[in-house]
């Protein structure tokens, strides 16, 4: 009976001052919405990077040529030219559990067709490349192993390059493009993949057999990168160790010498790429949480004002038999109700903000259950923590003094 009375009195007090109640909860509303939205933006960026790494292929690892240093100038991985085609062949031939291997060479090139030209990325790869990358085609198809062996002048084109050169993907099929005066016939158009986690547009590319790229266009004999696909169920770590041992033997590296190559797995690449996103998500969540604390302080201030305004009311309740615990519970109910109401409205506002952000900007927002539950629970805790002092103050009023209060 006493608890029901406390609930009824608390809700009546809140409804009597609807605008003030809403303004009191505004800090919690903004705080909860900010926490969920900010963490959602951070998680969206992290998931986008993970998806981009996953687009590199299933169970893939990448072997990079070593770094170079000449005349005081240093180059990154792949610049030293320490990997050869024979290294790629040996990996495919001698390492168990390897599903596919493709050497990769690349360079920037201006391509032309008729009166159109475009500066794009030229990639020279093996026929296994498209299955390793799980890259499908919207039109046409990939070149085959016989094209690689024959130094064939065939190519597949990315969506961005196709649109820039021919206006549509359908028009690109069968067209001839010249790369440094070498004509290549387009036999396929790649399905779009978007930006890589390095920030490069993966669809802005022209892919040709690595033999054609090395001999006909780029004129190189070494390769900067080898991509290896590991069979499902096989240990990627074991394949990495076997590839490392094989290349060390082939390059005749003594045990105390640093390898002239490096191996990166998808997991390592994902961790490297998402490290900044994780830090950003944590920072955004922490900064947004401060607004929840500020909202709690606002609830405490308004509740203290409310206690002062309702001193005579509190005195009357105490005089007719209410206990101090009844007054304490009543004001705690008011504070927690304001916090929970603010939390629910804030959650709805966060989802609305996420929808608007994804609709009007390319920024991804990925809201999970964790931040929602955390924010709602934190808003309830704020109501209890910051509402306890005003409630305790109201409960400790002396009935006689309260009745005399003007």
Foldseek 3Di string as FASTA:
>chain_A
DLLVVLLVVLVVVCVVCVVVLQVLLQLLLQLLLQLQQQLQLLVLQLVVQLLLLPLQADFKKKKFFFWDADPNDTGHTLPPQPAFPVLQVCLVVPFPQWDDKKFKAKDWWWKAADPAIDIFIEIAIAQCNCNRSVWAFPAFGTDHRVCLVVLHQEKEAFQVQCCRHPVGQVRQAQGWMATPNRIHGYGTYIDADAAHLVGHRPRRYIYDHNNNCCVVHPVDGGTGMMMIHGHPPDDSVVSVVVSVVVSCVVSVPDPPDDDSMDMGTSVRSSCVSSVVSVVSSVVSSVVSNVSLLVSLLSLLVVLLVVLLVCLQVLLVCVVVPDALVSLLSSQLSNLLVSLLVSLVSSVVVSVVVQVVCVVPHVRHGHGDVVSSVVSNVVSNVSSNVSSNVSSNVSSPDDSVVSNVRD
